[in-house]
Amino acid sequence: MENNKRIRRMFFVLSILIIVAVIIYFYARVIGKSLDSGLPLTADIAKKIASRSAMSILGMTVSAALIAVVSLAFQTITENRILTPSMIGFDSVFMATQSVLVFLASRWAVSKHLFSNPYLNFLITTGMMMVISMLMYRIILRKNKNNIVFLLLFGLILSGMIRSFTNYIEVLLNPQEFQQLKAVTSVTITNMNTGIILLAAPVMLVLVFLFMRKSREYDVMLLSESNAKSLGVPYTKRLNTNLILIALAMAITTALIGPLTFLGLLAVNIARELFRTYKHSVLFIGSILIAILFLVLGQGIVELLRYATPVTVLIDLVGGVYMICLILKENKL
């Protein structure tokens, strides 16, 4: 009973902090944009800035929620609290797909339509990420589920090969095509793909629901594969389903705001420390709230102080240091 009260209290505190973070973000965007432009802040200007900021908040919420739930699920099925699917290199797949579309756009009329249409572009990019990630997961995790070094090395090598292919495609582009490529691949929180936010939001709700409804099975899967099977969990079926959902979620977040390698690592592990429970029903919600808080509050502070460094860089810096600490801690254990 006392633990349940503490969990509810933590949920309440995190919710209040998120509300404060949203207020800071809106204040920084509305007042900051007005000061930067040197124009008087009229009601119409404030309304336009606020509407754009609301879309940014929605995009950050979608990305943070998806990264949090898939990171927790991925750590459970791999039985490793250090590994997250973001570390495999989705950004390189995203870059390669966009490069091929730009290259073909000026040569095939159909390809030009696929590239210019944000929804078709998003579906193609998502499909490519899902296919490549599924192949990689199936090849490696089938026999090397706990081999974090092998998985990271394979992802590093694959990312390097894809980046080399992308660089080769970029050499073949003319200056105008190259600028188009940079425009669509320079995806950040401040330059997110707003055209697909309304498409990604309902998909996010469905994915979060699918993960959370299996919370009790995730609790059992923590006991290892053999124990989970003996307790009636269809482990292989759940593993295959999870890999598909994780690939879809990571493809959406990468196409929406770009790679966020260490956000899931931070959110999930901090949720474990704060709530001190094995129950995924609690950890899913806690990880989502922490991830949203990090993104919104971090971006609000960056906008308020007018720093040129994106909040994703700061999150990756802190997350990288935290990952090193976790690795050292696991080795000591």
C-alpha atoms as a PDB file:
ATOM      1  CA  MET A   1       0.000   0.000   0.000  1.00  0.00           C
ATOM      2  CA  GLU A   2       2.786   2.424   0.918  1.00  0.00           C
ATOM      3  CA  ASN A   3       4.583   1.611  -2.345  1.00  0.00           C
ATOM      4  CA  ASN A   4       1.397   2.319  -4.333  1.00  0.00           C
ATOM      5  CA  LYS A   5       1.055   5.705  -2.635  1.00  0.00           C
ATOM      6  CA  ARG A   6       4.663   6.524  -3.474  1.00  0.00           C
ATOM      7  CA  ILE A   7       4.124   5.523  -7.119  1.00  0.00           C
ATOM      8  CA  ARG A   8       1.006   7.703  -7.399  1.00  0.00           C
ATOM      9  CA  ARG A   9       2.895  10.555  -5.789  1.00  0.00           C
ATOM     10  CA  MET A  10       5.718  10.185  -8.310  1.00  0.00           C
ATOM     11  CA  PHE A  11       3.219  10.175 -11.188  1.00  0.00           C
ATOM     12  CA  PHE A  12       1.676  13.366  -9.813  1.00  0.00           C
ATOM     13  CA  VAL A  13       5.053  15.097  -9.428  1.00  0.00           C
ATOM     14  CA  LEU A  14       6.141  14.138 -12.940  1.00  0.00           C
ATOM     15  CA  SER A  15       2.828  15.369 -14.377  1.00  0.00           C
ATOM     16  CA  ILE A  16       3.218  18.738 -12.621  1.00  0.00           C
ATOM     17  CA  LEU A  17       6.794  19.030 -13.896  1.00  0.00           C
ATOM     18  CA  ILE A  18       5.627  18.311 -17.444  1.00  0.00           C
ATOM     19  CA  ILE A  19       2.991  21.064 -17.170  1.00  0.00           C
ATOM     20  CA  VAL A  20       5.673  23.479 -15.948  1.00  0.00           C
ATOM     21  CA  ALA A  21       7.930  22.379 -18.820  1.00  0.00           C
ATOM     22  CA  VAL A  22       5.163  23.042 -21.356  1.00  0.00           C
ATOM     23  CA  ILE A  23       4.602  26.516 -19.896  1.00  0.00           C
ATOM     24  CA  ILE A  24       8.348  27.262 -20.093  1.00  0.00           C
ATOM     25  CA  TYR A  25       8.436  26.030 -23.681  1.00  0.00           C
ATOM     26  CA  PHE A  26       5.461  28.136 -24.781  1.00  0.00           C
ATOM     27  CA  TYR A  27       6.857  31.186 -22.988  1.00  0.00           C
ATOM     28  CA  ALA A  28      10.257  30.737 -24.610  1.00  0.00           C
ATOM     29  CA  ARG A  29       8.741  30.254 -28.053  1.00  0.00           C
ATOM     30  CA  VAL A  30       6.236  33.104 -27.958  1.00  0.00           C
ATOM     31  CA  ILE A  31       8.277  35.733 -26.116  1.00  0.00           C
ATOM     32  CA  GLY A  32      11.590  34.624 -27.593  1.00  0.00           C
ATOM     33  CA  LYS A  33      10.356  34.707 -31.183  1.00  0.00           C
ATOM     34  CA  SER A  34       8.900  38.150 -30.636  1.00  0.00           C
ATOM     35  CA  LEU A  35      12.153  39.509 -29.200  1.00  0.00           C
ATOM     36  CA  ASP A  36      14.248  37.936 -31.932  1.00  0.00           C
ATOM     37  CA  SER A  37      12.096  39.392 -34.688  1.00  0.00           C
ATOM     38  CA  GLY A  38      12.013  42.859 -33.094  1.00  0.00           C
ATOM     39  CA  LEU A  39       8.305  43.113 -33.886  1.00  0.00           C
ATOM     40  CA  PRO A  40       5.580  43.913 -31.363  1.00  0.00           C
ATOM     41  CA  LEU A  41       3.846  40.822 -30.019  1.00  0.00           C
ATOM     42  CA  THR A  42       0.295  41.057 -31.283  1.00  0.00           C
ATOM     43  CA  ALA A  43      -2.477  38.580 -30.577  1.00  0.00           C
ATOM     44  CA  ASP A  44      -2.358  37.199 -34.139  1.00  0.00           C
ATOM     45  CA  ILE A  45       1.419  36.637 -34.037  1.00  0.00           C
ATOM     46  CA  ALA A  46       1.223  35.022 -30.613  1.00  0.00           C
ATOM     47  CA  LYS A  47      -1.579  32.749 -31.824  1.00  0.00           C
ATOM     48  CA  LYS A  48       0.412  31.613 -34.854  1.00  0.00           C
ATOM     49  CA  ILE A  49       3.542  30.914 -32.801  1.00  0.00           C
ATOM     50  CA  ALA A  50       1.496  29.099 -30.164  1.00  0.00           C
ATOM     51  CA  SER A  51      -0.177  26.877 -32.776  1.00  0.00           C
ATOM     52  CA  ARG A  52       3.193  25.893 -34.229  1.00  0.00           C
ATOM     53  CA  SER A  53       4.534  25.288 -30.740  1.00  0.00           C
ATOM     54  CA  ALA A  54       1.552  23.056 -29.981  1.00  0.00           C
ATOM     55  CA  MET A  55       2.431  20.893 -32.985  1.00  0.00           C
ATOM     56  CA  SER A  56       6.019  20.710 -31.750  1.00  0.00           C
ATOM     57  CA  ILE A  57       4.787  19.640 -28.301  1.00  0.00           C
ATOM     58  CA  LEU A  58       2.667  16.936 -29.930  1.00  0.00           C
ATOM     59  CA  GLY A  59       5.626  15.739 -31.993  1.00  0.00           C
ATOM     60  CA  MET A  60       7.891  15.580 -28.939  1.00  0.00           C
ATOM     61  CA  THR A  61       5.203  13.728 -26.988  1.00  0.00           C
ATOM     62  CA  VAL A  62       4.768  11.153 -29.750  1.00  0.00           C
ATOM     63  CA  SER A  63       8.517  10.597 -30.090  1.00  0.00           C
ATOM     64  CA  ALA A  64       9.196  10.464 -26.346  1.00  0.00           C
ATOM     65  CA  ALA A  65       6.348   8.038 -25.673  1.00  0.00           C
ATOM     66  CA  LEU A  66       7.393   5.664 -28.449  1.00  0.00           C
ATOM     67  CA  ILE A  67      11.077   5.736 -27.509  1.00  0.00           C
ATOM     68  CA  ALA A  68      10.270   5.076 -23.851  1.00  0.00           C
ATOM     69  CA  VAL A  69       7.973   2.083 -24.370  1.00  0.00           C
ATOM     70  CA  VAL A  70      10.104   0.383 -27.031  1.00  0.00           C
ATOM     71  CA  SER A  71      13.281   0.857 -25.003  1.00  0.00           C
ATOM     72  CA  LEU A  72      11.705  -0.799 -21.968  1.00  0.00           C
ATOM     73  CA  ALA A  73      10.279  -3.632 -24.068  1.00  0.00           C
ATOM     74  CA  PHE A  74      13.593  -4.121 -25.887  1.00  0.00           C
ATOM     75  CA  GLN A  75      15.526  -4.297 -22.628  1.00  0.00           C
ATOM     76  CA  THR A  76      13.089  -6.898 -21.329  1.00  0.00           C
ATOM     77  CA  ILE A  77      13.261  -9.235 -24.313  1.00  0.00           C
ATOM     78  CA  THR A  78      17.059  -8.914 -24.562  1.00  0.00           C
ATOM     79  CA  GLU A  79      17.451  -9.198 -20.780  1.00  0.00           C
ATOM     80  CA  ASN A  80      19.846  -6.263 -20.786  1.00  0.00           C
ATOM     81  CA  ARG A  81      19.154  -2.836 -19.239  1.00  0.00           C
ATOM     82  CA  ILE A  82      21.941  -1.134 -21.203  1.00  0.00           C
ATOM     83  CA  LEU A  83      20.799  -1.901 -24.734  1.00  0.00           C
ATOM     84  CA  THR A  84      18.194   0.175 -26.602  1.00  0.00           C
ATOM     85  CA  PRO A  85      17.042  -0.134 -30.228  1.00  0.00           C
ATOM     86  CA  SER A  86      18.195   3.439 -30.923  1.00  0.00           C
ATOM     87  CA  MET A  87      21.823   2.335 -30.796  1.00  0.00           C
ATOM     88  CA  ILE A  88      21.504   0.141 -33.885  1.00  0.00           C
ATOM     89  CA  GLY A  89      21.738   3.033 -36.357  1.00  0.00           C
ATOM     90  CA  PHE A  90      18.324   4.026 -37.654  1.00  0.00           C
ATOM     91  CA  ASP A  91      19.615   7.439 -38.687  1.00  0.00           C
ATOM     92  CA  SER A  92      21.841   5.885 -41.362  1.00  0.00           C
ATOM     93  CA  VAL A  93      18.903   3.941 -42.823  1.00  0.00           C
ATOM     94  CA  PHE A  94      16.832   7.128 -42.865  1.00  0.00           C
ATOM     95  CA  MET A  95      19.609   9.021 -44.662  1.00  0.00           C
ATOM     96  CA  ALA A  96      20.113   6.265 -47.227  1.00  0.00           C
ATOM     97  CA  THR A  97      16.403   6.024 -48.052  1.00  0.00           C
ATOM     98  CA  GLN A  98      16.082   9.775 -48.547  1.00  0.00           C
ATOM     99  CA  SER A  99      19.239   9.861 -50.672  1.00  0.00           C
ATOM    100  CA  VAL A 100      17.902   7.190 -53.023  1.00  0.00           C
ATOM    101  CA  LEU A 101      14.539   8.981 -53.304  1.00  0.00           C
ATOM    102  CA  VAL A 102      16.244  12.292 -54.135  1.00  0.00           C
ATOM    103  CA  PHE A 103      18.511  10.590 -56.678  1.00  0.00           C
ATOM    104  CA  LEU A 104      15.575   8.923 -58.421  1.00  0.00           C
ATOM    105  CA  ALA A 105      13.259  11.948 -58.180  1.00  0.00           C
ATOM    106  CA  SER A 106      14.931  13.818 -61.061  1.00  0.00           C
ATOM    107  CA  ARG A 107      15.072  10.686 -63.214  1.00  0.00           C
ATOM    108  CA  TRP A 108      11.685   9.041 -62.684  1.00  0.00           C
ATOM    109  CA  ALA A 109       8.450  10.997 -62.469  1.00  0.00           C
ATOM    110  CA  VAL A 110       6.970   8.475 -60.053  1.00  0.00           C
ATOM    111  CA  SER A 111       9.939   8.817 -57.696  1.00  0.00           C
ATOM    112  CA  LYS A 112       9.544  12.599 -57.653  1.00  0.00           C
ATOM    113  CA  HIS A 113       5.968  12.196 -56.468  1.00  0.00           C
ATOM    114  CA  LEU A 114       7.012   9.695 -53.808  1.00  0.00           C
ATOM    115  CA  PHE A 115       9.682  12.067 -52.506  1.00  0.00           C
ATOM    116  CA  SER A 116       7.561  15.235 -52.478  1.00  0.00           C
ATOM    117  CA  ASN A 117       4.516  13.627 -50.844  1.00  0.00           C
ATOM    118  CA  PRO A 118       5.247  13.634 -47.081  1.00  0.00           C
ATOM    119  CA  TYR A 119       2.936  10.698 -46.355  1.00  0.00           C
ATOM    120  CA  LEU A 120       4.257   8.422 -49.114  1.00  0.00           C
ATOM    121  CA  ASN A 121       7.812   9.439 -48.232  1.00  0.00           C
ATOM    122  CA  PHE A 122       7.150   8.581 -44.601  1.00  0.00           C
ATOM    123  CA  LEU A 123       5.630   5.196 -45.473  1.00  0.00           C
ATOM    124  CA  ILE A 124       8.563   4.258 -47.715  1.00  0.00           C
ATOM    125  CA  THR A 125      11.136   5.334 -45.133  1.00  0.00           C
ATOM    126  CA  THR A 126       9.305   3.517 -42.359  1.00  0.00           C
ATOM    127  CA  GLY A 127       9.054   0.375 -44.465  1.00  0.00           C
ATOM    128  CA  MET A 128      12.782   0.361 -45.234  1.00  0.00           C
ATOM    129  CA  MET A 129      13.689   0.845 -41.581  1.00  0.00           C
ATOM    130  CA  MET A 130      11.377  -1.971 -40.549  1.00  0.00           C
ATOM    131  CA  VAL A 131      12.768  -4.406 -43.126  1.00  0.00           C
ATOM    132  CA  ILE A 132      16.419  -3.715 -42.281  1.00  0.00           C
ATOM    133  CA  SER A 133      15.885  -3.703 -38.523  1.00  0.00           C
ATOM    134  CA  MET A 134      13.836  -6.905 -38.640  1.00  0.00           C
ATOM    135  CA  LEU A 135      16.539  -8.683 -40.636  1.00  0.00           C
ATOM    136  CA  MET A 136      19.182  -7.510 -38.202  1.00  0.00           C
ATOM    137  CA  TYR A 137      17.191  -8.472 -35.123  1.00  0.00           C
ATOM    138  CA  ARG A 138      16.287 -11.876 -36.514  1.00  0.00           C
ATOM    139  CA  ILE A 139      19.852 -12.672 -37.562  1.00  0.00           C
ATOM    140  CA  ILE A 140      21.475 -11.617 -34.296  1.00  0.00           C
ATOM    141  CA  LEU A 141      18.952 -11.981 -31.498  1.00  0.00           C
ATOM    142  CA  ARG A 142      17.868 -15.480 -32.477  1.00  0.00           C
ATOM    143  CA  LYS A 143      21.134 -17.020 -31.262  1.00  0.00           C
ATOM    144  CA  ASN A 144      22.887 -14.127 -29.531  1.00  0.00           C
ATOM    145  CA  LYS A 145      20.130 -12.562 -27.467  1.00  0.00           C
ATOM    146  CA  ASN A 146      22.380 -11.436 -24.621  1.00  0.00           C
ATOM    147  CA  ASN A 147      25.489 -10.645 -26.659  1.00  0.00           C
ATOM    148  CA  ILE A 148      25.426  -6.853 -26.431  1.00  0.00           C
ATOM    149  CA  VAL A 149      28.912  -6.467 -27.918  1.00  0.00           C
ATOM    150  CA  PHE A 150      28.056  -8.505 -31.026  1.00  0.00           C
ATOM    151  CA  LEU A 151      24.804  -6.630 -31.561  1.00  0.00           C
ATOM    152  CA  LEU A 152      26.413  -3.208 -31.222  1.00  0.00           C
ATOM    153  CA  LEU A 153      29.329  -4.182 -33.464  1.00  0.00           C
ATOM    154  CA  PHE A 154      26.984  -5.503 -36.120  1.00  0.00           C
ATOM    155  CA  GLY A 155      24.921  -2.320 -35.938  1.00  0.00           C
ATOM    156  CA  LEU A 156      28.059  -0.204 -36.146  1.00  0.00           C
ATOM    157  CA  ILE A 157      29.341  -2.068 -39.204  1.00  0.00           C
ATOM    158  CA  LEU A 158      25.969  -1.959 -40.936  1.00  0.00           C
ATOM    159  CA  SER A 159      25.615   1.764 -40.207  1.00  0.00           C
ATOM    160  CA  GLY A 160      29.075   2.400 -41.648  1.00  0.00           C
ATOM    161  CA  MET A 161      28.245   0.500 -44.836  1.00  0.00           C
ATOM    162  CA  ILE A 162      24.962   2.361 -45.261  1.00  0.00           C
ATOM    163  CA  ARG A 163      26.653   5.722 -44.666  1.00  0.00           C
ATOM    164  CA  SER A 164      29.275   4.895 -47.295  1.00  0.00           C
ATOM    165  CA  PHE A 165      26.500   4.070 -49.747  1.00  0.00           C
ATOM    166  CA  THR A 166      24.774   7.344 -48.850  1.00  0.00           C
ATOM    167  CA  ASN A 167      27.966   9.330 -49.455  1.00  0.00           C
ATOM    168  CA  TYR A 168      28.317   7.691 -52.866  1.00  0.00           C
ATOM    169  CA  ILE A 169      24.750   8.680 -53.775  1.00  0.00           C
ATOM    170  CA  GLU A 170      25.399  12.267 -52.614  1.00  0.00           C
ATOM    171  CA  VAL A 171      28.372  12.527 -54.979  1.00  0.00           C
ATOM    172  CA  LEU A 172      26.048  11.754 -57.883  1.00  0.00           C
ATOM    173  CA  LEU A 173      23.613  14.540 -56.964  1.00  0.00           C
ATOM    174  CA  ASN A 174      23.694  17.998 -58.484  1.00  0.00           C
ATOM    175  CA  PRO A 175      23.784  21.026 -56.109  1.00  0.00           C
ATOM    176  CA  GLN A 176      20.010  21.516 -56.186  1.00  0.00           C
ATOM    177  CA  GLU A 177      19.306  17.874 -55.390  1.00  0.00           C
ATOM    178  CA  PHE A 178      21.914  17.974 -52.640  1.00  0.00           C
ATOM    179  CA  GLN A 179      20.165  20.937 -51.017  1.00  0.00           C
ATOM    180  CA  GLN A 180      16.853  19.083 -51.198  1.00  0.00           C
ATOM    181  CA  LEU A 181      18.447  16.115 -49.487  1.00  0.00           C
ATOM    182  CA  LYS A 182      19.873  18.234 -46.683  1.00  0.00           C
ATOM    183  CA  ALA A 183      16.523  19.939 -46.199  1.00  0.00           C
ATOM    184  CA  VAL A 184      14.669  16.669 -45.587  1.00  0.00           C
ATOM    185  CA  THR A 185      17.392  14.902 -43.601  1.00  0.00           C
ATOM    186  CA  SER A 186      18.227  17.743 -41.203  1.00  0.00           C
ATOM    187  CA  VAL A 187      15.403  16.621 -38.931  1.00  0.00           C
ATOM    188  CA  THR A 188      15.509  17.914 -35.365  1.00  0.00           C
ATOM    189  CA  ILE A 189      13.015  18.992 -32.732  1.00  0.00           C
ATOM    190  CA  THR A 190      13.081  22.559 -34.060  1.00  0.00           C
ATOM    191  CA  ASN A 191      12.783  21.304 -37.643  1.00  0.00           C
ATOM    192  CA  MET A 192      10.580  18.256 -37.237  1.00  0.00           C
ATOM    193  CA  ASN A 193       8.502  16.738 -39.995  1.00  0.00           C
ATOM    194  CA  THR A 194       5.219  18.425 -39.080  1.00  0.00           C
ATOM    195  CA  GLY A 195       3.486  16.918 -42.108  1.00  0.00           C
ATOM    196  CA  ILE A 196       3.310  13.489 -40.480  1.00  0.00           C
ATOM    197  CA  ILE A 197       2.637  14.418 -36.848  1.00  0.00           C
ATOM    198  CA  LEU A 198      -1.122  13.971 -37.160  1.00  0.00           C
ATOM    199  CA  LEU A 199      -0.492  10.605 -38.830  1.00  0.00           C
ATOM    200  CA  ALA A 200       2.040   9.505 -36.219  1.00  0.00           C
ATOM    201  CA  ALA A 201      -0.051  10.502 -33.165  1.00  0.00           C
ATOM    202  CA  PRO A 202      -2.812   7.869 -33.550  1.00  0.00           C
ATOM    203  CA  VAL A 203      -0.199   5.246 -34.461  1.00  0.00           C
ATOM    204  CA  MET A 204       1.629   6.126 -31.230  1.00  0.00           C
ATOM    205  CA  LEU A 205      -1.547   5.625 -29.182  1.00  0.00           C
ATOM    206  CA  VAL A 206      -2.126   2.215 -30.753  1.00  0.00           C
ATOM    207  CA  LEU A 207       1.478   1.105 -30.216  1.00  0.00           C
ATOM    208  CA  VAL A 208       1.558   2.258 -26.581  1.00  0.00           C
ATOM    209  CA  PHE A 209      -1.725   0.444 -25.960  1.00  0.00           C
ATOM    210  CA  LEU A 210      -0.390  -2.766 -27.549  1.00  0.00           C
ATOM    211  CA  PHE A 211       2.711  -2.677 -25.361  1.00  0.00           C
ATOM    212  CA  MET A 212       0.915  -1.818 -22.131  1.00  0.00           C
ATOM    213  CA  ARG A 213      -1.792  -4.458 -22.506  1.00  0.00           C
ATOM    214  CA  LYS A 214       0.962  -7.091 -22.342  1.00  0.00           C
ATOM    215  CA  SER A 215       2.543  -5.636 -19.193  1.00  0.00           C
ATOM    216  CA  ARG A 216       2.006  -8.771 -17.128  1.00  0.00           C
ATOM    217  CA  GLU A 217       3.629 -10.931 -19.787  1.00  0.00           C
ATOM    218  CA  TYR A 218       6.656  -8.612 -19.751  1.00  0.00           C
ATOM    219  CA  ASP A 219       6.821  -9.081 -15.982  1.00  0.00           C
ATOM    220  CA  VAL A 220       7.042 -12.839 -16.516  1.00  0.00           C
ATOM    221  CA  MET A 221       9.557 -12.487 -19.374  1.00  0.00           C
ATOM    222  CA  LEU A 222      11.948 -10.867 -16.900  1.00  0.00           C
ATOM    223  CA  LEU A 223      12.367 -14.304 -15.342  1.00  0.00           C
ATOM    224  CA  SER A 224      14.202 -15.540 -18.492  1.00  0.00           C
ATOM    225  CA  GLU A 225      12.964 -17.352 -21.585  1.00  0.00           C
ATOM    226  CA  SER A 226      12.748 -20.834 -20.067  1.00  0.00           C
ATOM    227  CA  ASN A 227      10.812 -19.685 -17.009  1.00  0.00           C
ATOM    228  CA  ALA A 228       8.453 -17.570 -19.105  1.00  0.00           C
ATOM    229  CA  LYS A 229       7.654 -20.534 -21.353  1.00  0.00           C
ATOM    230  CA  SER A 230       7.051 -22.793 -18.367  1.00  0.00           C
ATOM    231  CA  LEU A 231       4.599 -20.210 -16.986  1.00  0.00           C
ATOM    232  CA  GLY A 232       2.572 -20.185 -20.194  1.00  0.00           C
ATOM    233  CA  VAL A 233       3.945 -17.163 -22.061  1.00  0.00           C
ATOM    234  CA  PRO A 234       4.276 -17.790 -25.836  1.00  0.00           C
ATOM    235  CA  TYR A 235       7.802 -16.397 -25.770  1.00  0.00           C
ATOM    236  CA  THR A 236       8.786 -16.852 -29.426  1.00  0.00           C
ATOM    237  CA  LYS A 237       5.524 -15.382 -30.674  1.00  0.00           C
ATOM    238  CA  ARG A 238       5.851 -12.397 -28.344  1.00  0.00           C
ATOM    239  CA  LEU A 239       9.462 -11.865 -29.397  1.00  0.00           C
ATOM    240  CA  ASN A 240       8.561 -11.746 -33.091  1.00  0.00           C
ATOM    241  CA  THR A 241       5.612  -9.415 -32.458  1.00  0.00           C
ATOM    242  CA  ASN A 242       7.705  -7.122 -30.293  1.00  0.00           C
ATOM    243  CA  LEU A 243      10.437  -6.820 -32.893  1.00  0.00           C
ATOM    244  CA  ILE A 244       7.914  -5.708 -35.512  1.00  0.00           C
ATOM    245  CA  LEU A 245       6.328  -3.132 -33.182  1.00  0.00           C
ATOM    246  CA  ILE A 246       9.732  -1.864 -32.012  1.00  0.00           C
ATOM    247  CA  ALA A 247      10.947  -1.454 -35.593  1.00  0.00           C
ATOM    248  CA  LEU A 248       7.768   0.461 -36.510  1.00  0.00           C
ATOM    249  CA  ALA A 249       8.015   2.750 -33.477  1.00  0.00           C
ATOM    250  CA  MET A 250      11.693   3.548 -34.030  1.00  0.00           C
ATOM    251  CA  ALA A 251      11.070   4.218 -37.708  1.00  0.00           C
ATOM    252  CA  ILE A 252       8.344   6.717 -36.806  1.00  0.00           C
ATOM    253  CA  THR A 253      10.467   8.601 -34.270  1.00  0.00           C
ATOM    254  CA  THR A 254      13.512   8.751 -36.549  1.00  0.00           C
ATOM    255  CA  ALA A 255      11.482  10.040 -39.484  1.00  0.00           C
ATOM    256  CA  LEU A 256       9.663  12.519 -37.229  1.00  0.00           C
ATOM    257  CA  ILE A 257      12.450  14.230 -35.250  1.00  0.00           C
ATOM    258  CA  GLY A 258      15.624  12.340 -36.096  1.00  0.00           C
ATOM    259  CA  PRO A 259      17.705   9.971 -33.968  1.00  0.00           C
ATOM    260  CA  LEU A 260      17.549  10.160 -30.166  1.00  0.00           C
ATOM    261  CA  THR A 261      20.052   7.497 -29.231  1.00  0.00           C
ATOM    262  CA  PHE A 262      20.161   7.759 -25.453  1.00  0.00           C
ATOM    263  CA  LEU A 263      16.744   9.157 -24.506  1.00  0.00           C
ATOM    264  CA  GLY A 264      15.253   5.704 -24.007  1.00  0.00           C
ATOM    265  CA  LEU A 265      18.237   4.568 -21.968  1.00  0.00           C
ATOM    266  CA  LEU A 266      17.918   7.530 -19.615  1.00  0.00           C
ATOM    267  CA  ALA A 267      14.129   7.442 -19.279  1.00  0.00           C
ATOM    268  CA  VAL A 268      13.827   3.709 -18.608  1.00  0.00           C
ATOM    269  CA  ASN A 269      16.700   3.424 -16.146  1.00  0.00           C
ATOM    270  CA  ILE A 270      15.686   6.544 -14.229  1.00  0.00           C
ATOM    271  CA  ALA A 271      12.135   5.145 -14.056  1.00  0.00           C
ATOM    272  CA  ARG A 272      13.532   1.924 -12.590  1.00  0.00           C
ATOM    273  CA  GLU A 273      15.395   3.900  -9.918  1.00  0.00           C
ATOM    274  CA  LEU A 274      12.466   6.196  -9.078  1.00  0.00           C
ATOM    275  CA  PHE A 275       9.666   3.629  -8.903  1.00  0.00           C
ATOM    276  CA  ARG A 276      11.717   0.639  -7.700  1.00  0.00           C
ATOM    277  CA  THR A 277       9.356  -1.929  -9.129  1.00  0.00           C
ATOM    278  CA  TYR A 278       9.466  -4.711 -11.677  1.00  0.00           C
ATOM    279  CA  LYS A 279       5.884  -4.051 -12.880  1.00  0.00           C
ATOM    280  CA  HIS A 280       5.894  -2.914 -16.485  1.00  0.00           C
ATOM    281  CA  SER A 281       2.479  -1.284 -16.107  1.00  0.00           C
ATOM    282  CA  VAL A 282       4.162   1.259 -13.827  1.00  0.00           C
ATOM    283  CA  LEU A 283       7.480   1.441 -15.668  1.00  0.00           C
ATOM    284  CA  PHE A 284       5.827   2.082 -19.040  1.00  0.00           C
ATOM    285  CA  ILE A 285       3.942   5.128 -17.733  1.00  0.00           C
ATOM    286  CA  GLY A 286       6.891   6.361 -15.688  1.00  0.00           C
ATOM    287  CA  SER A 287       9.304   6.048 -18.614  1.00  0.00           C
ATOM    288  CA  ILE A 288       6.907   7.930 -20.892  1.00  0.00           C
ATOM    289  CA  LEU A 289       6.504  10.790 -18.411  1.00  0.00           C
ATOM    290  CA  ILE A 290      10.263  11.072 -17.835  1.00  0.00           C
ATOM    291  CA  ALA A 291      11.036  11.007 -21.579  1.00  0.00           C
ATOM    292  CA  ILE A 292       8.448  13.718 -22.279  1.00  0.00           C
ATOM    293  CA  LEU A 293       9.812  15.806 -19.404  1.00  0.00           C
ATOM    294  CA  PHE A 294      13.372  15.543 -20.695  1.00  0.00           C
ATOM    295  CA  LEU A 295      12.455  16.553 -24.235  1.00  0.00           C
ATOM    296  CA  VAL A 296      10.015  19.364 -23.480  1.00  0.00           C
ATOM    297  CA  LEU A 297      11.859  20.889 -20.523  1.00  0.00           C
ATOM    298  CA  GLY A 298      15.228  20.557 -22.238  1.00  0.00           C
ATOM    299  CA  GLN A 299      13.980  22.168 -25.423  1.00  0.00           C
ATOM    300  CA  GLY A 300      12.223  24.894 -23.447  1.00  0.00           C
ATOM    301  CA  ILE A 301      15.415  25.777 -21.579  1.00  0.00           C
ATOM    302  CA  VAL A 302      17.431  25.738 -24.807  1.00  0.00           C
ATOM    303  CA  GLU A 303      14.921  28.078 -26.475  1.00  0.00           C
ATOM    304  CA  LEU A 304      14.736  30.304 -23.392  1.00  0.00           C
ATOM    305  CA  LEU A 305      18.524  30.710 -23.177  1.00  0.00           C
ATOM    306  CA  ARG A 306      18.814  30.852 -26.993  1.00  0.00           C
ATOM    307  CA  TYR A 307      21.536  28.269 -27.158  1.00  0.00           C
ATOM    308  CA  ALA A 308      22.541  27.049 -30.607  1.00  0.00           C
ATOM    309  CA  THR A 309      23.088  23.491 -29.354  1.00  0.00           C
ATOM    310  CA  PRO A 310      20.000  21.284 -29.853  1.00  0.00           C
ATOM    311  CA  VAL A 311      18.621  19.530 -26.801  1.00  0.00           C
ATOM    312  CA  THR A 312      19.222  16.170 -28.523  1.00  0.00           C
ATOM    313  CA  VAL A 313      22.969  16.806 -28.354  1.00  0.00           C
ATOM    314  CA  LEU A 314      22.753  17.471 -24.610  1.00  0.00           C
ATOM    315  CA  ILE A 315      20.630  14.347 -24.076  1.00  0.00           C
ATOM    316  CA  ASP A 316      23.124  12.226 -26.018  1.00  0.00           C
ATOM    317  CA  LEU A 317      25.990  13.709 -23.989  1.00  0.00           C
ATOM    318  CA  VAL A 318      24.354  12.933 -20.651  1.00  0.00           C
ATOM    319  CA  GLY A 319      23.084   9.588 -21.910  1.00  0.00           C
ATOM    320  CA  GLY A 320      26.509   8.538 -23.151  1.00  0.00           C
ATOM    321  CA  VAL A 321      28.089   9.269 -19.773  1.00  0.00           C
ATOM    322  CA  TYR A 322      25.239   7.456 -18.015  1.00  0.00           C
ATOM    323  CA  MET A 323      25.665   4.428 -20.286  1.00  0.00           C
ATOM    324  CA  ILE A 324      29.372   4.232 -19.425  1.00  0.00           C
ATOM    325  CA  CYS A 325      28.471   4.340 -15.727  1.00  0.00           C
ATOM    326  CA  LEU A 326      25.951   1.532 -16.208  1.00  0.00           C
ATOM    327  CA  ILE A 327      28.475  -0.616 -18.069  1.00  0.00           C
ATOM    328  CA  LEU A 328      31.031  -0.142 -15.303  1.00  0.00           C
ATOM    329  CA  LYS A 329      28.384  -0.927 -12.697  1.00  0.00           C
ATOM    330  CA  GLU A 330      27.286  -4.106 -14.500  1.00  0.00           C
ATOM    331  CA  ASN A 331      30.879  -5.272 -14.790  1.00  0.00           C
ATOM    332  CA  LYS A 332      31.388  -4.796 -11.052  1.00  0.00           C
ATOM    333  CA  LEU A 333      28.299  -6.824 -10.394  1.00  0.00           C
END
